[in-house]
Each structure stands twice: as structure tokens, then as C-alpha cells.
Amino acid sequence: MANLYPVVQAGDPDWRAYYTVNLLNLPHHYHNGGIWPLVGGMWVRFIHRLGFHEVACRELLRLAQLNQLGRDQEWEFNEWAHGTTGRPMGKAFQAWSAASFLRLSGSRSRPEKPRRDVCPARAIHRPSPLSRVRPKPREAALD
């Protein structure tokens, strides 16, 4: 789910020249229509609570696919993704992206967890994605 719709384009009344700084606010980027996994997790919980269980299940699966993508390896839980291509962008290994997803998929006691008759167990409960995450080794500090 994009964080802004419709995106602001060059020439629109709301467009500002500084949106091009660091290329973060171009259309479908960062705050201008980018996809934030944190927001996606909130969206899934919200639509599930409204009773749209099948939609919540589809969105949960899309969120899982988004989180699984990575620039360097799977399950990087990137900060954000491009709003149209879904390409992982921003920083990897973001705790809020992981927490938003794991809150949906990992707890059997949460009332906001999608129903098992709508979302099959194999689609929701996979081996912990965090078990596959291997942080890059840090370089030794210089003395």
C-alpha cells in the first residue's frame, strides 16, 4: 500500500522544487507514494478489524512478499519500496518493518491476526524470516 495517493507530480500545485533533493520525494518514492512495510502492517490490521478478512489475507500475503524481497538478500525488511515496481529501497534491516509484519504473522493470541480459515496456515506461518537474516560483518575497529 502506497503511503500517498495520488502522488504529487512536477507541475502539480503541491509540487515543491526541494522534492528532488536526494531523489527521495520523486513520484512513487519515499514520502511521495512509496510503500512502507510499517504502514502496510497497520493497513492489514485495520481492514481485518473492519471485517474484510479476505482482503486482509491478500494484503498480508503481499506484505510478506514485499518483506521477503531485498537488495542484497531475502528478508531484509527494507525501510520502503518503490510505489509502482515494489523494488526494495532505503535502509535494510529496519526493526519497525519487521515488527509490523511479525505482529501480524507470528502471534496466535492477537485478535487482529487474520482468520486461519481465510489465510491458510502455510501462507502465514513460515519459518521465522529473522532466522535467515545474517547481518554483514563489521570491519575491525582501528586502534
N, C-alpha and C. Protein backbone atom coordinates (compact mmCIF):
# COMPACT_ATOMS: atom_id res chain seq x y z
N MET A 1 0.85 -1.18 0.00
CA MET A 1 0.00 0.00 0.00
C MET A 1 0.89 1.24 0.00
N ALA A 2 0.68 2.08 -0.97
CA ALA A 2 1.45 3.32 -1.07
C ALA A 2 1.04 4.26 0.06
N ASN A 3 1.99 5.08 0.51
CA ASN A 3 1.71 5.97 1.63
C ASN A 3 1.04 7.28 1.21
N LEU A 4 0.90 7.52 -0.10
CA LEU A 4 0.25 8.74 -0.58
C LEU A 4 -0.37 8.44 -1.94
N TYR A 5 -1.63 8.82 -2.10
CA TYR A 5 -2.29 8.65 -3.38
C TYR A 5 -3.24 9.81 -3.59
N PRO A 6 -3.25 10.41 -4.74
CA PRO A 6 -2.31 10.22 -5.83
C PRO A 6 -0.97 10.89 -5.52
N VAL A 7 0.07 10.44 -6.20
CA VAL A 7 1.39 11.03 -5.96
C VAL A 7 1.41 12.45 -6.51
N VAL A 8 2.31 13.25 -5.98
CA VAL A 8 2.48 14.63 -6.43
C VAL A 8 3.52 14.61 -7.56
N GLN A 9 3.13 15.17 -8.69
CA GLN A 9 3.99 15.21 -9.87
C GLN A 9 4.53 16.63 -10.08
N ALA A 10 5.67 16.72 -10.77
CA ALA A 10 6.19 18.04 -11.16
C ALA A 10 5.11 18.77 -11.95
N GLY A 11 4.88 20.02 -11.60
CA GLY A 11 3.84 20.81 -12.25
C GLY A 11 2.54 20.86 -11.47
N ASP A 12 2.33 19.92 -10.55
CA ASP A 12 1.15 19.95 -9.69
C ASP A 12 1.26 21.14 -8.75
N PRO A 13 0.14 21.71 -8.30
CA PRO A 13 0.18 22.85 -7.37
C PRO A 13 0.94 22.52 -6.07
N ASP A 14 0.90 21.27 -5.63
CA ASP A 14 1.58 20.89 -4.40
C ASP A 14 3.05 20.52 -4.58
N TRP A 15 3.54 20.49 -5.81
CA TRP A 15 4.93 20.12 -6.07
C TRP A 15 5.87 21.21 -5.57
N ARG A 16 6.95 20.82 -4.94
CA ARG A 16 7.98 21.75 -4.47
C ARG A 16 9.32 21.33 -5.08
N ALA A 17 10.14 22.30 -5.41
CA ALA A 17 11.43 22.02 -6.05
C ALA A 17 12.32 21.14 -5.17
N TYR A 18 12.21 21.29 -3.86
CA TYR A 18 13.09 20.50 -2.98
C TYR A 18 12.73 19.01 -2.95
N TYR A 19 11.63 18.61 -3.60
CA TYR A 19 11.28 17.19 -3.64
C TYR A 19 12.33 16.37 -4.37
N THR A 20 13.14 17.02 -5.19
CA THR A 20 14.16 16.29 -5.94
C THR A 20 15.45 16.11 -5.14
N VAL A 21 15.58 16.77 -3.99
CA VAL A 21 16.78 16.65 -3.17
C VAL A 21 16.92 15.19 -2.73
N ASN A 22 18.06 14.61 -2.96
CA ASN A 22 18.36 13.21 -2.63
C ASN A 22 17.41 12.22 -3.30
N LEU A 23 16.64 12.69 -4.24
CA LEU A 23 15.71 11.86 -5.01
C LEU A 23 14.70 11.12 -4.14
N LEU A 24 14.44 11.62 -2.94
CA LEU A 24 13.55 10.92 -2.02
C LEU A 24 12.08 11.16 -2.27
N ASN A 25 11.71 12.29 -2.81
CA ASN A 25 10.29 12.59 -2.94
C ASN A 25 9.83 12.70 -4.39
N LEU A 26 10.55 12.02 -5.27
CA LEU A 26 10.07 11.90 -6.64
C LEU A 26 8.78 11.07 -6.59
N PRO A 27 7.97 11.11 -7.64
CA PRO A 27 6.76 10.29 -7.63
C PRO A 27 7.08 8.81 -7.37
N HIS A 28 6.31 8.21 -6.47
CA HIS A 28 6.42 6.80 -6.07
C HIS A 28 7.66 6.50 -5.23
N HIS A 29 8.28 7.53 -4.68
CA HIS A 29 9.44 7.38 -3.81
C HIS A 29 9.09 7.85 -2.40
N TYR A 30 9.70 7.27 -1.43
CA TYR A 30 9.71 7.67 -0.03
C TYR A 30 8.36 8.21 0.45
N HIS A 31 8.25 9.51 0.73
CA HIS A 31 7.00 10.09 1.24
C HIS A 31 5.99 10.39 0.13
N ASN A 32 6.38 10.27 -1.10
CA ASN A 32 5.52 10.63 -2.23
C ASN A 32 5.03 9.38 -2.97
N GLY A 33 4.33 8.53 -2.25
CA GLY A 33 3.76 7.34 -2.87
C GLY A 33 4.60 6.09 -2.75
N GLY A 34 5.65 6.13 -1.93
CA GLY A 34 6.43 4.93 -1.68
C GLY A 34 5.64 3.95 -0.82
N ILE A 35 6.06 2.72 -0.80
CA ILE A 35 5.40 1.68 0.00
C ILE A 35 6.22 1.47 1.26
N TRP A 36 5.60 1.64 2.41
CA TRP A 36 6.28 1.45 3.69
C TRP A 36 5.71 0.20 4.36
N PRO A 37 6.52 -0.84 4.59
CA PRO A 37 6.02 -2.04 5.25
C PRO A 37 5.38 -1.77 6.61
N LEU A 38 5.88 -0.79 7.32
CA LEU A 38 5.27 -0.43 8.61
C LEU A 38 3.81 -0.03 8.41
N VAL A 39 3.55 0.82 7.43
CA VAL A 39 2.19 1.26 7.13
C VAL A 39 1.36 0.09 6.62
N GLY A 40 1.98 -0.79 5.83
CA GLY A 40 1.28 -1.96 5.32
C GLY A 40 0.76 -2.86 6.43
N GLY A 41 1.56 -3.04 7.48
CA GLY A 41 1.11 -3.84 8.61
C GLY A 41 -0.07 -3.22 9.32
N MET A 42 -0.04 -1.90 9.48
CA MET A 42 -1.17 -1.21 10.10
C MET A 42 -2.42 -1.33 9.23
N TRP A 43 -2.24 -1.25 7.93
CA TRP A 43 -3.36 -1.38 7.00
C TRP A 43 -4.02 -2.76 7.12
N VAL A 44 -3.21 -3.81 7.16
CA VAL A 44 -3.76 -5.16 7.27
C VAL A 44 -4.55 -5.31 8.57
N ARG A 45 -4.01 -4.83 9.68
CA ARG A 45 -4.74 -4.91 10.96
C ARG A 45 -6.06 -4.14 10.90
N PHE A 46 -6.03 -2.97 10.30
CA PHE A 46 -7.23 -2.13 10.22
C PHE A 46 -8.33 -2.79 9.39
N ILE A 47 -7.98 -3.27 8.19
CA ILE A 47 -9.03 -3.85 7.36
C ILE A 47 -9.52 -5.18 7.93
N HIS A 48 -8.67 -5.89 8.66
CA HIS A 48 -9.13 -7.11 9.32
C HIS A 48 -10.13 -6.77 10.41
N ARG A 49 -9.84 -5.76 11.20
CA ARG A 49 -10.76 -5.35 12.28
C ARG A 49 -12.10 -4.87 11.73
N LEU A 50 -12.09 -4.33 10.51
CA LEU A 50 -13.34 -3.90 9.88
C LEU A 50 -14.15 -5.08 9.35
N GLY A 51 -13.56 -6.27 9.36
CA GLY A 51 -14.27 -7.45 8.90
C GLY A 51 -13.97 -7.87 7.48
N PHE A 52 -13.05 -7.20 6.82
CA PHE A 52 -12.67 -7.55 5.46
C PHE A 52 -11.55 -8.60 5.49
N HIS A 53 -11.89 -9.79 5.94
CA HIS A 53 -10.89 -10.82 6.20
C HIS A 53 -10.19 -11.31 4.94
N GLU A 54 -10.91 -11.49 3.87
CA GLU A 54 -10.27 -11.96 2.63
C GLU A 54 -9.32 -10.90 2.08
N VAL A 55 -9.71 -9.65 2.13
CA VAL A 55 -8.83 -8.57 1.69
C VAL A 55 -7.59 -8.51 2.59
N ALA A 56 -7.81 -8.65 3.89
CA ALA A 56 -6.68 -8.63 4.83
C ALA A 56 -5.70 -9.76 4.52
N CYS A 57 -6.22 -10.93 4.19
CA CYS A 57 -5.36 -12.05 3.86
C CYS A 57 -4.53 -11.75 2.61
N ARG A 58 -5.18 -11.25 1.58
CA ARG A 58 -4.45 -10.91 0.35
C ARG A 58 -3.37 -9.87 0.62
N GLU A 59 -3.71 -8.85 1.43
CA GLU A 59 -2.75 -7.80 1.74
C GLU A 59 -1.61 -8.33 2.61
N LEU A 60 -1.92 -9.26 3.51
CA LEU A 60 -0.88 -9.88 4.33
C LEU A 60 0.11 -10.65 3.45
N LEU A 61 -0.40 -11.37 2.48
CA LEU A 61 0.48 -12.12 1.58
C LEU A 61 1.34 -11.17 0.75
N ARG A 62 0.75 -10.07 0.31
CA ARG A 62 1.53 -9.06 -0.45
C ARG A 62 2.61 -8.45 0.44
N LEU A 63 2.27 -8.20 1.70
CA LEU A 63 3.24 -7.65 2.65
C LEU A 63 4.38 -8.64 2.88
N ALA A 64 4.05 -9.92 2.99
CA ALA A 64 5.08 -10.94 3.17
C ALA A 64 6.01 -10.97 1.96
N GLN A 65 5.45 -10.91 0.77
CA GLN A 65 6.27 -10.90 -0.44
C GLN A 65 7.17 -9.67 -0.49
N LEU A 66 6.63 -8.53 -0.11
CA LEU A 66 7.41 -7.29 -0.10
C LEU A 66 8.57 -7.39 0.89
N ASN A 67 8.28 -7.89 2.10
CA ASN A 67 9.33 -8.01 3.11
C ASN A 67 10.39 -9.04 2.74
N GLN A 68 9.99 -10.05 1.98
CA GLN A 68 10.94 -11.08 1.59
C GLN A 68 11.96 -10.55 0.58
N LEU A 69 11.56 -9.59 -0.24
CA LEU A 69 12.49 -9.01 -1.21
C LEU A 69 13.61 -8.29 -0.47
N GLY A 70 14.73 -8.24 -1.08
CA GLY A 70 15.84 -7.48 -0.52
C GLY A 70 16.77 -7.04 -1.63
N ARG A 71 17.54 -6.05 -1.36
CA ARG A 71 18.51 -5.60 -2.36
C ARG A 71 19.68 -6.56 -2.44
N ASP A 72 20.11 -7.10 -1.30
CA ASP A 72 21.27 -7.98 -1.27
C ASP A 72 20.92 -9.42 -0.90
N GLN A 73 19.87 -9.61 -0.12
CA GLN A 73 19.46 -10.94 0.30
C GLN A 73 17.99 -10.91 0.70
N GLU A 74 17.39 -12.09 0.85
CA GLU A 74 15.99 -12.14 1.24
C GLU A 74 15.81 -11.69 2.68
N TRP A 75 14.60 -11.28 2.98
CA TRP A 75 14.15 -10.90 4.32
C TRP A 75 15.00 -9.80 4.94
N GLU A 76 15.26 -8.77 4.15
CA GLU A 76 15.99 -7.61 4.67
C GLU A 76 15.07 -6.63 5.41
N PHE A 77 13.77 -6.76 5.26
CA PHE A 77 12.82 -5.84 5.88
C PHE A 77 13.24 -4.39 5.62
N ASN A 78 13.25 -4.05 4.34
CA ASN A 78 13.69 -2.72 3.94
C ASN A 78 12.76 -1.63 4.46
N GLU A 79 13.30 -0.44 4.52
CA GLU A 79 12.58 0.73 5.03
C GLU A 79 11.35 1.05 4.18
N TRP A 80 11.53 1.01 2.85
CA TRP A 80 10.44 1.32 1.95
C TRP A 80 10.71 0.68 0.60
N ALA A 81 9.71 0.67 -0.25
CA ALA A 81 9.84 0.12 -1.59
C ALA A 81 9.24 1.10 -2.59
N HIS A 82 9.69 1.01 -3.83
CA HIS A 82 9.17 1.87 -4.89
C HIS A 82 7.67 1.63 -5.04
N GLY A 83 6.91 2.69 -5.19
CA GLY A 83 5.46 2.61 -5.19
C GLY A 83 4.84 1.89 -6.37
N THR A 84 5.53 1.75 -7.49
CA THR A 84 4.96 1.03 -8.62
C THR A 84 5.69 -0.27 -8.92
N THR A 85 7.01 -0.29 -8.74
CA THR A 85 7.76 -1.52 -9.06
C THR A 85 7.89 -2.45 -7.86
N GLY A 86 7.76 -1.92 -6.64
CA GLY A 86 7.95 -2.73 -5.44
C GLY A 86 9.41 -3.01 -5.13
N ARG A 87 10.31 -2.40 -5.87
CA ARG A 87 11.74 -2.61 -5.65
C ARG A 87 12.14 -2.12 -4.26
N PRO A 88 12.84 -2.95 -3.47
CA PRO A 88 13.27 -2.52 -2.13
C PRO A 88 14.18 -1.29 -2.21
N MET A 89 13.90 -0.33 -1.34
CA MET A 89 14.66 0.92 -1.32
C MET A 89 14.95 1.25 0.15
N GLY A 90 15.72 2.28 0.35
CA GLY A 90 16.01 2.71 1.71
C GLY A 90 16.94 1.75 2.42
N LYS A 91 16.96 1.86 3.72
CA LYS A 91 17.85 1.04 4.55
C LYS A 91 17.26 -0.34 4.79
N ALA A 92 18.16 -1.32 4.90
CA ALA A 92 17.74 -2.69 5.19
C ALA A 92 17.73 -2.92 6.70
N PHE A 93 17.09 -4.01 7.10
CA PHE A 93 17.04 -4.46 8.49
C PHE A 93 16.40 -3.42 9.42
N GLN A 94 15.24 -2.95 9.00
CA GLN A 94 14.51 -1.95 9.78
C GLN A 94 13.60 -2.66 10.77
N ALA A 95 13.79 -2.38 12.05
CA ALA A 95 13.02 -3.06 13.11
C ALA A 95 11.54 -2.81 12.97
N TRP A 96 11.12 -1.60 12.61
CA TRP A 96 9.70 -1.32 12.52
C TRP A 96 9.05 -2.08 11.37
N SER A 97 9.77 -2.30 10.28
CA SER A 97 9.22 -3.10 9.18
C SER A 97 9.05 -4.55 9.62
N ALA A 98 10.06 -5.09 10.31
CA ALA A 98 9.99 -6.47 10.79
C ALA A 98 8.90 -6.62 11.85
N ALA A 99 8.85 -5.69 12.79
CA ALA A 99 7.88 -5.79 13.89
C ALA A 99 6.45 -5.72 13.38
N SER A 100 6.19 -4.85 12.41
CA SER A 100 4.85 -4.71 11.87
C SER A 100 4.39 -6.01 11.22
N PHE A 101 5.29 -6.66 10.50
CA PHE A 101 4.97 -7.93 9.86
C PHE A 101 4.85 -9.07 10.88
N LEU A 102 5.81 -9.16 11.78
CA LEU A 102 5.80 -10.25 12.75
C LEU A 102 4.60 -10.17 13.69
N ARG A 103 4.16 -8.98 13.97
CA ARG A 103 2.97 -8.83 14.82
C ARG A 103 1.75 -9.46 14.14
N LEU A 104 1.70 -9.37 12.83
CA LEU A 104 0.59 -9.97 12.09
C LEU A 104 0.72 -11.48 11.94
N SER A 105 1.93 -11.95 11.73
CA SER A 105 2.10 -13.33 11.32
C SER A 105 2.55 -14.28 12.42
N GLY A 106 3.01 -13.76 13.54
CA GLY A 106 3.63 -14.64 14.49
C GLY A 106 2.87 -14.96 15.75
N SER A 107 1.85 -14.21 16.09
CA SER A 107 1.19 -14.41 17.38
C SER A 107 -0.15 -15.10 17.21
N ARG A 108 -0.36 -16.17 17.96
CA ARG A 108 -1.63 -16.88 17.91
C ARG A 108 -2.67 -16.22 18.82
N SER A 109 -2.26 -15.33 19.70
CA SER A 109 -3.20 -14.78 20.68
C SER A 109 -3.72 -13.40 20.30
N ARG A 110 -3.22 -12.81 19.25
CA ARG A 110 -3.66 -11.46 18.87
C ARG A 110 -5.02 -11.50 18.18
N PRO A 111 -5.96 -10.68 18.60
CA PRO A 111 -7.27 -10.69 17.94
C PRO A 111 -7.21 -10.17 16.51
N GLU A 112 -6.18 -9.38 16.16
CA GLU A 112 -6.12 -8.83 14.82
C GLU A 112 -5.50 -9.80 13.81
N LYS A 113 -5.06 -10.97 14.29
CA LYS A 113 -4.46 -11.95 13.38
C LYS A 113 -5.53 -12.44 12.41
N PRO A 114 -5.23 -12.47 11.11
CA PRO A 114 -6.22 -12.95 10.15
C PRO A 114 -6.67 -14.37 10.46
N ARG A 115 -7.94 -14.65 10.19
CA ARG A 115 -8.51 -15.96 10.48
C ARG A 115 -7.81 -17.04 9.69
N ARG A 116 -7.62 -18.21 10.30
CA ARG A 116 -6.94 -19.31 9.64
C ARG A 116 -7.78 -19.90 8.53
N ASP A 117 -9.11 -19.77 8.59
CA ASP A 117 -9.93 -20.32 7.51
C ASP A 117 -9.89 -19.42 6.27
N VAL A 118 -9.44 -18.19 6.42
CA VAL A 118 -9.30 -17.29 5.28
C VAL A 118 -7.87 -17.29 4.77
N CYS A 119 -6.92 -17.24 5.68
CA CYS A 119 -5.50 -17.28 5.31
C CYS A 119 -4.95 -18.64 5.72
N PRO A 120 -4.61 -19.49 4.77
CA PRO A 120 -4.11 -20.82 5.14
C PRO A 120 -2.84 -20.73 5.96
N ALA A 121 -2.67 -21.67 6.86
CA ALA A 121 -1.53 -21.66 7.77
C ALA A 121 -0.22 -21.60 7.01
N ARG A 122 -0.10 -22.32 5.90
CA ARG A 122 1.16 -22.33 5.16
C ARG A 122 1.50 -20.95 4.59
N ALA A 123 0.47 -20.12 4.38
CA ALA A 123 0.71 -18.78 3.84
C ALA A 123 1.12 -17.80 4.93
N ILE A 124 0.73 -18.07 6.17
CA ILE A 124 1.01 -17.14 7.25
C ILE A 124 2.21 -17.58 8.05
N HIS A 125 2.25 -18.83 8.44
CA HIS A 125 3.28 -19.31 9.36
C HIS A 125 4.38 -20.03 8.60
N ARG A 126 5.44 -19.33 8.37
CA ARG A 126 6.61 -19.87 7.70
C ARG A 126 7.74 -19.86 8.72
N PRO A 127 8.86 -20.51 8.42
CA PRO A 127 9.99 -20.37 9.33
C PRO A 127 10.31 -18.90 9.54
N SER A 128 10.72 -18.58 10.72
CA SER A 128 10.97 -17.18 11.06
C SER A 128 11.89 -16.54 10.04
N PRO A 129 11.44 -15.46 9.38
CA PRO A 129 12.31 -14.79 8.42
C PRO A 129 13.57 -14.26 9.08
N LEU A 130 13.49 -13.94 10.36
CA LEU A 130 14.67 -13.39 11.02
C LEU A 130 15.75 -14.45 11.21
N SER A 131 15.38 -15.73 11.16
CA SER A 131 16.39 -16.78 11.31
C SER A 131 17.31 -16.82 10.10
N ARG A 132 16.85 -16.26 8.98
CA ARG A 132 17.66 -16.25 7.76
C ARG A 132 18.50 -15.00 7.64
N VAL A 133 18.21 -14.00 8.41
CA VAL A 133 18.92 -12.73 8.29
C VAL A 133 20.29 -12.84 8.92
N ARG A 134 21.27 -12.55 8.16
CA ARG A 134 22.65 -12.56 8.64
C ARG A 134 23.24 -11.19 8.41
N PRO A 135 23.39 -10.39 9.47
CA PRO A 135 23.96 -9.05 9.27
C PRO A 135 25.36 -9.15 8.68
N LYS A 136 25.69 -8.17 7.90
CA LYS A 136 27.02 -8.11 7.32
C LYS A 136 28.03 -7.88 8.44
N PRO A 137 29.18 -8.58 8.39
CA PRO A 137 30.17 -8.37 9.45
C PRO A 137 30.73 -6.96 9.42
N ARG A 138 30.98 -6.43 10.60
CA ARG A 138 31.58 -5.10 10.70
C ARG A 138 33.09 -5.23 10.55
N GLU A 139 33.67 -4.17 10.03
CA GLU A 139 35.13 -4.16 9.93
C GLU A 139 35.71 -3.93 11.33
N ALA A 140 36.84 -4.52 11.57
CA ALA A 140 37.50 -4.35 12.87
C ALA A 140 37.86 -2.89 13.11
N ALA A 141 37.66 -2.45 14.31
CA ALA A 141 37.99 -1.06 14.66
C ALA A 141 39.50 -0.86 14.62
N LEU A 142 39.90 0.28 14.15
CA LEU A 142 41.33 0.59 14.12
C LEU A 142 41.77 1.06 15.49
N ASP A 143 42.91 0.59 15.92
CA ASP A 143 43.44 1.01 17.23
C ASP A 143 44.21 2.29 17.12
